[in-house]
Amino acid sequence: MEPCVGPTLGAASLLASQGKELGMVTLAMGLFGIGAALPLLLIGTIGRQTLVRMRGRIGGASALGKRLLGVGLLLTGLLVLSGLDKQLEAFALAHSPQWLIDLTTGI
């Protein structure tokens, strides 16, 4: 487990605000910055390479997702226009456990 950096940065900030040990403060803050940036750079690089490799699959999933969302919105609109949404809501309410009703109504 890695140690918390809070005390180190706090001490460096305190020394910097007092104008003491500025060389050591600069070194500590610089090393912290490098240490914090390296994992982010690594994750960004790996993530970009993965996205480039998977571009075709992501595009196909995106097209399918758009179609499914469109069908879902169309069906929802039809349910609202026909009034069947209220019947579906009543059915779901009648068959839902009490804890779920309490959770969704905020009681």
N, C-alpha and C. Protein backbone atom coordinates (compact mmCIF):
# COMPACT_ATOMS: atom_id res chain seq x y z
N MET A 1 0.85 -1.17 0.00
CA MET A 1 0.00 0.00 0.00
C MET A 1 0.89 1.24 0.00
N GLU A 2 0.51 2.20 -0.82
CA GLU A 2 1.31 3.41 -0.93
C GLU A 2 0.97 4.39 0.18
N PRO A 3 1.97 5.14 0.64
CA PRO A 3 1.70 6.13 1.69
C PRO A 3 0.92 7.32 1.14
N CYS A 4 0.26 8.01 2.02
CA CYS A 4 -0.51 9.19 1.64
C CYS A 4 0.46 10.34 1.32
N VAL A 5 0.18 11.07 0.25
CA VAL A 5 1.07 12.17 -0.15
C VAL A 5 0.67 13.48 0.52
N GLY A 6 -0.45 13.48 1.22
CA GLY A 6 -0.93 14.70 1.86
C GLY A 6 0.09 15.36 2.78
N PRO A 7 0.69 14.62 3.71
CA PRO A 7 1.66 15.26 4.60
C PRO A 7 2.89 15.80 3.86
N THR A 8 3.34 15.09 2.84
CA THR A 8 4.51 15.56 2.08
C THR A 8 4.18 16.85 1.35
N LEU A 9 3.05 16.87 0.65
CA LEU A 9 2.66 18.09 -0.06
C LEU A 9 2.33 19.22 0.90
N GLY A 10 1.73 18.88 2.04
CA GLY A 10 1.44 19.90 3.04
C GLY A 10 2.71 20.53 3.57
N ALA A 11 3.71 19.71 3.87
CA ALA A 11 4.99 20.23 4.37
C ALA A 11 5.67 21.07 3.30
N ALA A 12 5.64 20.61 2.05
CA ALA A 12 6.26 21.37 0.96
C ALA A 12 5.56 22.70 0.76
N SER A 13 4.23 22.71 0.85
CA SER A 13 3.48 23.96 0.70
C SER A 13 3.77 24.91 1.84
N LEU A 14 3.87 24.38 3.05
CA LEU A 14 4.18 25.22 4.21
C LEU A 14 5.56 25.84 4.07
N LEU A 15 6.54 25.04 3.69
CA LEU A 15 7.90 25.57 3.51
C LEU A 15 7.93 26.60 2.38
N ALA A 16 7.19 26.34 1.30
CA ALA A 16 7.16 27.29 0.19
C ALA A 16 6.52 28.60 0.62
N SER A 17 5.45 28.53 1.42
CA SER A 17 4.78 29.76 1.86
C SER A 17 5.66 30.57 2.80
N GLN A 18 6.57 29.89 3.49
CA GLN A 18 7.48 30.58 4.40
C GLN A 18 8.76 31.01 3.70
N GLY A 19 8.93 30.59 2.47
CA GLY A 19 10.14 30.94 1.72
C GLY A 19 11.37 30.16 2.16
N LYS A 20 11.17 29.00 2.76
CA LYS A 20 12.28 28.18 3.26
C LYS A 20 12.48 26.96 2.37
N GLU A 21 13.72 26.55 2.25
CA GLU A 21 14.07 25.32 1.52
C GLU A 21 13.40 25.25 0.15
N LEU A 22 13.45 26.33 -0.60
CA LEU A 22 12.75 26.38 -1.87
C LEU A 22 13.27 25.35 -2.87
N GLY A 23 14.54 25.03 -2.80
CA GLY A 23 15.09 24.01 -3.69
C GLY A 23 14.48 22.64 -3.41
N MET A 24 14.38 22.30 -2.12
CA MET A 24 13.78 21.02 -1.75
C MET A 24 12.28 21.00 -2.05
N VAL A 25 11.63 22.15 -1.84
CA VAL A 25 10.20 22.25 -2.15
C VAL A 25 9.97 22.03 -3.64
N THR A 26 10.80 22.68 -4.45
CA THR A 26 10.69 22.53 -5.91
C THR A 26 10.91 21.09 -6.32
N LEU A 27 11.92 20.46 -5.72
CA LEU A 27 12.20 19.06 -6.03
C LEU A 27 11.02 18.16 -5.62
N ALA A 28 10.50 18.36 -4.42
CA ALA A 28 9.40 17.52 -3.94
C ALA A 28 8.17 17.69 -4.82
N MET A 29 7.83 18.94 -5.13
CA MET A 29 6.64 19.18 -5.97
C MET A 29 6.86 18.66 -7.39
N GLY A 30 8.06 18.81 -7.91
CA GLY A 30 8.35 18.31 -9.26
C GLY A 30 8.25 16.80 -9.33
N LEU A 31 8.83 16.11 -8.33
CA LEU A 31 8.76 14.65 -8.30
C LEU A 31 7.31 14.18 -8.12
N PHE A 32 6.56 14.89 -7.29
CA PHE A 32 5.15 14.53 -7.13
C PHE A 32 4.40 14.68 -8.45
N GLY A 33 4.66 15.78 -9.15
CA GLY A 33 4.01 16.00 -10.43
C GLY A 33 4.33 14.92 -11.44
N ILE A 34 5.59 14.53 -11.50
CA ILE A 34 6.00 13.45 -12.41
C ILE A 34 5.34 12.14 -12.02
N GLY A 35 5.35 11.85 -10.72
CA GLY A 35 4.75 10.60 -10.23
C GLY A 35 3.25 10.55 -10.48
N ALA A 36 2.58 11.69 -10.41
CA ALA A 36 1.14 11.73 -10.65
C ALA A 36 0.83 11.65 -12.14
N ALA A 37 1.71 12.22 -12.98
CA ALA A 37 1.45 12.27 -14.41
C ALA A 37 1.74 10.94 -15.12
N LEU A 38 2.74 10.21 -14.67
CA LEU A 38 3.14 8.98 -15.37
C LEU A 38 2.00 7.95 -15.49
N PRO A 39 1.30 7.62 -14.41
CA PRO A 39 0.20 6.65 -14.58
C PRO A 39 -0.89 7.17 -15.52
N LEU A 40 -1.16 8.47 -15.47
CA LEU A 40 -2.18 9.02 -16.36
C LEU A 40 -1.75 8.95 -17.82
N LEU A 41 -0.49 9.22 -18.08
CA LEU A 41 0.03 9.10 -19.45
C LEU A 41 -0.04 7.66 -19.94
N LEU A 42 0.32 6.73 -19.07
CA LEU A 42 0.27 5.31 -19.42
C LEU A 42 -1.16 4.86 -19.72
N ILE A 43 -2.09 5.25 -18.88
CA ILE A 43 -3.50 4.89 -19.09
C ILE A 43 -4.01 5.52 -20.38
N GLY A 44 -3.66 6.78 -20.62
CA GLY A 44 -4.09 7.45 -21.84
C GLY A 44 -3.55 6.79 -23.09
N THR A 45 -2.28 6.41 -23.06
CA THR A 45 -1.66 5.77 -24.22
C THR A 45 -2.28 4.41 -24.50
N ILE A 46 -2.42 3.61 -23.47
CA ILE A 46 -3.01 2.28 -23.64
C ILE A 46 -4.47 2.41 -24.09
N GLY A 47 -5.20 3.36 -23.49
CA GLY A 47 -6.59 3.56 -23.86
C GLY A 47 -6.74 3.97 -25.31
N ARG A 48 -5.87 4.85 -25.77
CA ARG A 48 -5.94 5.30 -27.17
C ARG A 48 -5.65 4.15 -28.13
N GLN A 49 -4.62 3.37 -27.82
CA GLN A 49 -4.29 2.24 -28.68
C GLN A 49 -5.44 1.23 -28.73
N THR A 50 -6.07 1.00 -27.59
CA THR A 50 -7.20 0.07 -27.54
C THR A 50 -8.37 0.59 -28.36
N LEU A 51 -8.65 1.89 -28.24
CA LEU A 51 -9.76 2.47 -29.01
C LEU A 51 -9.50 2.39 -30.51
N VAL A 52 -8.26 2.63 -30.93
CA VAL A 52 -7.93 2.56 -32.36
C VAL A 52 -8.13 1.13 -32.86
N ARG A 53 -7.70 0.15 -32.08
CA ARG A 53 -7.86 -1.26 -32.48
C ARG A 53 -9.32 -1.67 -32.55
N MET A 54 -10.14 -1.12 -31.68
CA MET A 54 -11.53 -1.56 -31.57
C MET A 54 -12.50 -0.63 -32.30
N ARG A 55 -12.00 0.28 -33.10
CA ARG A 55 -12.84 1.29 -33.75
C ARG A 55 -14.00 0.68 -34.53
N GLY A 56 -13.75 -0.37 -35.30
CA GLY A 56 -14.81 -1.00 -36.10
C GLY A 56 -15.89 -1.60 -35.23
N ARG A 57 -15.50 -2.30 -34.19
CA ARG A 57 -16.49 -2.92 -33.31
C ARG A 57 -17.30 -1.87 -32.55
N ILE A 58 -16.63 -0.80 -32.15
CA ILE A 58 -17.33 0.27 -31.44
C ILE A 58 -18.35 0.93 -32.37
N GLY A 59 -17.96 1.14 -33.63
CA GLY A 59 -18.88 1.74 -34.59
C GLY A 59 -20.09 0.86 -34.84
N GLY A 60 -19.88 -0.44 -34.93
CA GLY A 60 -21.00 -1.36 -35.12
C GLY A 60 -21.93 -1.38 -33.92
N ALA A 61 -21.36 -1.37 -32.74
CA ALA A 61 -22.17 -1.34 -31.53
C ALA A 61 -22.94 -0.03 -31.43
N SER A 62 -22.31 1.04 -31.87
CA SER A 62 -22.96 2.35 -31.83
C SER A 62 -24.18 2.37 -32.76
N ALA A 63 -24.03 1.83 -33.94
CA ALA A 63 -25.14 1.79 -34.89
C ALA A 63 -26.29 0.95 -34.33
N LEU A 64 -25.96 -0.19 -33.75
CA LEU A 64 -26.99 -1.04 -33.15
C LEU A 64 -27.65 -0.32 -31.99
N GLY A 65 -26.86 0.34 -31.17
CA GLY A 65 -27.41 1.07 -30.03
C GLY A 65 -28.36 2.17 -30.46
N LYS A 66 -28.01 2.88 -31.54
CA LYS A 66 -28.90 3.94 -32.04
C LYS A 66 -30.22 3.36 -32.50
N ARG A 67 -30.16 2.24 -33.19
CA ARG A 67 -31.39 1.61 -33.66
C ARG A 67 -32.26 1.16 -32.48
N LEU A 68 -31.63 0.52 -31.49
CA LEU A 68 -32.39 0.04 -30.33
C LEU A 68 -33.01 1.21 -29.56
N LEU A 69 -32.25 2.28 -29.38
CA LEU A 69 -32.80 3.45 -28.70
C LEU A 69 -33.94 4.08 -29.49
N GLY A 70 -33.80 4.12 -30.81
CA GLY A 70 -34.87 4.65 -31.64
C GLY A 70 -36.15 3.83 -31.52
N VAL A 71 -36.02 2.52 -31.56
CA VAL A 71 -37.18 1.64 -31.40
C VAL A 71 -37.79 1.83 -30.01
N GLY A 72 -36.95 1.94 -29.00
CA GLY A 72 -37.45 2.14 -27.64
C GLY A 72 -38.21 3.45 -27.50
N LEU A 73 -37.68 4.52 -28.10
CA LEU A 73 -38.38 5.81 -28.05
C LEU A 73 -39.69 5.77 -28.82
N LEU A 74 -39.68 5.10 -29.95
CA LEU A 74 -40.90 4.97 -30.74
C LEU A 74 -41.97 4.20 -29.97
N LEU A 75 -41.58 3.09 -29.35
CA LEU A 75 -42.53 2.31 -28.56
C LEU A 75 -43.05 3.10 -27.36
N THR A 76 -42.16 3.84 -26.71
CA THR A 76 -42.58 4.66 -25.58
C THR A 76 -43.59 5.72 -26.02
N GLY A 77 -43.32 6.35 -27.14
CA GLY A 77 -44.25 7.34 -27.67
C GLY A 77 -45.61 6.74 -27.98
N LEU A 78 -45.60 5.56 -28.59
CA LEU A 78 -46.86 4.89 -28.90
C LEU A 78 -47.62 4.51 -27.63
N LEU A 79 -46.90 4.06 -26.61
CA LEU A 79 -47.55 3.72 -25.34
C LEU A 79 -48.20 4.96 -24.72
N VAL A 80 -47.50 6.09 -24.76
CA VAL A 80 -48.04 7.32 -24.18
C VAL A 80 -49.25 7.80 -24.97
N LEU A 81 -49.15 7.80 -26.29
CA LEU A 81 -50.26 8.27 -27.13
C LEU A 81 -51.51 7.40 -26.96
N SER A 82 -51.32 6.10 -26.78
CA SER A 82 -52.46 5.19 -26.67
C SER A 82 -52.98 5.09 -25.24
N GLY A 83 -52.24 5.59 -24.28
CA GLY A 83 -52.66 5.48 -22.88
C GLY A 83 -52.28 4.17 -22.23
N LEU A 84 -51.64 3.29 -22.99
CA LEU A 84 -51.23 1.99 -22.43
C LEU A 84 -50.12 2.12 -21.41
N ASP A 85 -49.42 3.25 -21.40
CA ASP A 85 -48.35 3.43 -20.42
C ASP A 85 -48.92 3.43 -19.00
N LYS A 86 -50.11 3.98 -18.81
CA LYS A 86 -50.75 4.01 -17.49
C LYS A 86 -51.15 2.61 -17.05
N GLN A 87 -51.64 1.80 -17.99
CA GLN A 87 -52.01 0.43 -17.66
C GLN A 87 -50.76 -0.39 -17.31
N LEU A 88 -49.69 -0.17 -18.05
CA LEU A 88 -48.44 -0.86 -17.77
C LEU A 88 -47.89 -0.45 -16.41
N GLU A 89 -48.02 0.85 -16.09
CA GLU A 89 -47.57 1.34 -14.79
C GLU A 89 -48.39 0.72 -13.66
N ALA A 90 -49.70 0.64 -13.83
CA ALA A 90 -50.57 0.04 -12.81
C ALA A 90 -50.24 -1.43 -12.61
N PHE A 91 -49.98 -2.14 -13.71
CA PHE A 91 -49.61 -3.56 -13.62
C PHE A 91 -48.30 -3.73 -12.84
N ALA A 92 -47.31 -2.90 -13.19
CA ALA A 92 -46.01 -2.99 -12.52
C ALA A 92 -46.15 -2.65 -11.04
N LEU A 93 -46.95 -1.66 -10.72
CA LEU A 93 -47.16 -1.26 -9.33
C LEU A 93 -47.85 -2.37 -8.54
N ALA A 94 -48.82 -3.03 -9.16
CA ALA A 94 -49.56 -4.09 -8.48
C ALA A 94 -48.68 -5.32 -8.23
N HIS A 95 -47.66 -5.53 -9.03
CA HIS A 95 -46.83 -6.72 -8.92
C HIS A 95 -45.43 -6.44 -8.36
N SER A 96 -45.19 -5.24 -7.89
CA SER A 96 -43.88 -4.89 -7.34
C SER A 96 -43.85 -5.12 -5.84
N PRO A 97 -42.71 -5.51 -5.30
CA PRO A 97 -42.61 -5.65 -3.83
C PRO A 97 -42.68 -4.28 -3.16
N GLN A 98 -43.14 -4.27 -1.93
CA GLN A 98 -43.33 -3.02 -1.21
C GLN A 98 -42.04 -2.23 -1.06
N TRP A 99 -40.90 -2.93 -0.83
CA TRP A 99 -39.63 -2.22 -0.65
C TRP A 99 -39.26 -1.45 -1.92
N LEU A 100 -39.59 -1.98 -3.08
CA LEU A 100 -39.29 -1.29 -4.34
C LEU A 100 -40.18 -0.08 -4.52
N ILE A 101 -41.43 -0.21 -4.16
CA ILE A 101 -42.36 0.92 -4.23
C ILE A 101 -41.89 2.04 -3.31
N ASP A 102 -41.49 1.67 -2.08
CA ASP A 102 -41.00 2.66 -1.12
C ASP A 102 -39.74 3.34 -1.65
N LEU A 103 -38.88 2.56 -2.25
CA LEU A 103 -37.62 3.11 -2.78
C LEU A 103 -37.87 4.09 -3.91
N THR A 104 -38.78 3.75 -4.81
CA THR A 104 -38.99 4.59 -6.00
C THR A 104 -39.89 5.79 -5.74
N THR A 105 -40.71 5.72 -4.71
CA THR A 105 -41.59 6.86 -4.41
C THR A 105 -41.00 7.76 -3.35
N GLY A 106 -39.91 7.35 -2.74
CA GLY A 106 -39.24 8.18 -1.74
C GLY A 106 -39.95 8.26 -0.42
N ILE A 107 -40.79 7.29 -0.11
CA ILE A 107 -41.52 7.29 1.17
C ILE A 107 -40.66 6.64 2.23
